[in-house]
Amino acid sequence: MEDQINTIQNLLVNLIANVNYQHKKILNLEEVAELTSLKKSYIYKLNHEGKIPCYSFSDNGKLYFKREEIEKWMTKSKRFYKDDVDDALNKVFK
């Protein structure tokens, strides 16, 4: 019985942490790596090349990111597929 209570308690703690993470507006490097599925070293490279929206307010170089900007950055280049083109053409030539 105690094992089941501990399991439920751990699940609740993880659930609450996940909900809190999803509502965070400012993310650290680890959270951006998790959100984007990119390696931290690659995010550092993108930052160095100025290809990812990023902030640093301390002398130690710790990076911070705005969730909204990262989500826009991730979705800025839409790939079009045949169905997308066909749908657009059908709307034009109706």
Protein backbone atom coordinates (compact mmCIF):
# COMPACT_ATOMS: atom_id res chain seq x y z
CA MET A 1 0.00 0.00 0.00
CA GLU A 2 2.80 2.41 0.91
CA ASP A 3 4.54 1.69 -2.41
CA GLN A 4 1.37 2.58 -4.29
CA ILE A 5 1.04 5.85 -2.38
CA ASN A 6 4.67 6.71 -3.14
CA THR A 7 4.12 5.92 -6.81
CA ILE A 8 1.04 8.16 -6.94
CA GLN A 9 2.89 10.91 -5.09
CA ASN A 10 5.79 10.75 -7.57
CA LEU A 11 3.39 10.87 -10.50
CA LEU A 12 1.68 13.95 -9.05
CA VAL A 13 5.00 15.71 -8.44
CA ASN A 14 6.06 15.01 -12.05
CA LEU A 15 2.70 16.16 -13.38
CA ILE A 16 2.87 19.44 -11.45
CA ALA A 17 6.45 20.04 -12.62
CA ASN A 18 5.40 19.43 -16.23
CA VAL A 19 2.46 21.84 -15.97
CA ASN A 20 4.71 24.51 -14.43
CA TYR A 21 7.28 24.00 -17.23
CA GLN A 22 4.62 24.43 -19.92
CA HIS A 23 3.61 27.81 -18.49
CA LYS A 24 7.13 29.21 -18.11
CA LYS A 25 7.77 32.24 -20.28
CA ILE A 26 11.55 32.33 -19.80
CA LEU A 27 13.49 29.13 -20.41
CA ASN A 28 17.04 28.09 -19.66
CA LEU A 29 19.31 26.16 -22.00
CA GLU A 30 18.24 22.73 -20.74
CA GLU A 31 14.56 23.57 -21.17
CA VAL A 32 15.11 24.85 -24.72
CA ALA A 33 17.03 21.69 -25.53
CA GLU A 34 14.08 19.65 -24.28
CA LEU A 35 11.53 21.82 -26.11
CA THR A 36 13.39 21.74 -29.44
CA SER A 37 14.94 18.27 -29.17
CA LEU A 38 18.28 19.87 -30.03
CA LYS A 39 21.56 19.18 -28.24
CA LYS A 40 22.78 21.90 -25.90
CA SER A 41 26.05 22.16 -27.85
CA TYR A 42 24.09 22.84 -31.06
CA ILE A 43 22.03 25.53 -29.31
CA TYR A 44 25.29 27.16 -28.19
CA LYS A 45 26.48 27.05 -31.81
CA LEU A 46 23.23 28.60 -33.06
CA ASN A 47 23.58 31.33 -30.44
CA HIS A 48 27.19 32.02 -31.45
CA GLU A 49 26.08 32.33 -35.10
CA GLY A 50 23.14 34.59 -34.12
CA LYS A 51 20.60 32.13 -35.50
CA ILE A 52 18.45 31.63 -32.40
CA PRO A 53 16.72 34.30 -30.29
CA CYS A 54 18.59 34.37 -27.01
CA TYR A 55 19.38 36.60 -24.02
CA SER A 56 22.15 36.79 -21.47
CA PHE A 57 22.10 39.25 -18.59
CA SER A 58 25.01 38.00 -16.55
CA ASP A 59 28.78 38.07 -16.96
CA ASN A 60 29.00 34.29 -16.73
CA GLY A 61 27.33 33.90 -20.14
CA LYS A 62 24.30 31.96 -18.94
CA LEU A 63 21.70 31.94 -21.71
CA TYR A 64 17.97 32.55 -21.41
CA PHE A 65 15.24 32.27 -24.00
CA LYS A 66 11.68 33.53 -24.39
CA ARG A 67 9.37 30.56 -25.01
CA GLU A 68 7.23 32.55 -27.45
CA GLU A 69 10.26 33.52 -29.54
CA ILE A 70 11.61 29.96 -29.59
CA GLU A 71 8.23 28.61 -30.70
CA LYS A 72 8.07 31.22 -33.49
CA TRP A 73 11.66 30.42 -34.45
CA MET A 74 10.84 26.70 -34.62
CA THR A 75 7.87 27.28 -36.92
CA LYS A 76 9.14 30.13 -39.12
CA SER A 77 9.89 27.97 -42.16
CA LYS A 78 6.83 26.01 -43.20
CA ARG A 79 7.40 23.16 -45.57
CA PHE A 80 4.74 22.85 -48.22
CA TYR A 81 3.55 19.47 -49.32
CA LYS A 82 1.70 18.40 -52.43
CA ASP A 83 -1.65 18.40 -50.61
CA ASP A 84 -1.08 22.00 -49.46
CA VAL A 85 -0.36 23.12 -53.02
CA ASP A 86 -3.31 21.16 -54.43
CA ASP A 87 -5.67 22.71 -51.84
CA ALA A 88 -4.41 26.21 -52.64
CA LEU A 89 -4.81 25.66 -56.39
CA ASN A 90 -8.31 24.27 -55.93
CA LYS A 91 -9.31 27.41 -54.00
CA VAL A 92 -7.91 29.66 -56.71
CA PHE A 93 -9.45 27.84 -59.67
CA LYS A 94 -12.93 27.17 -58.25
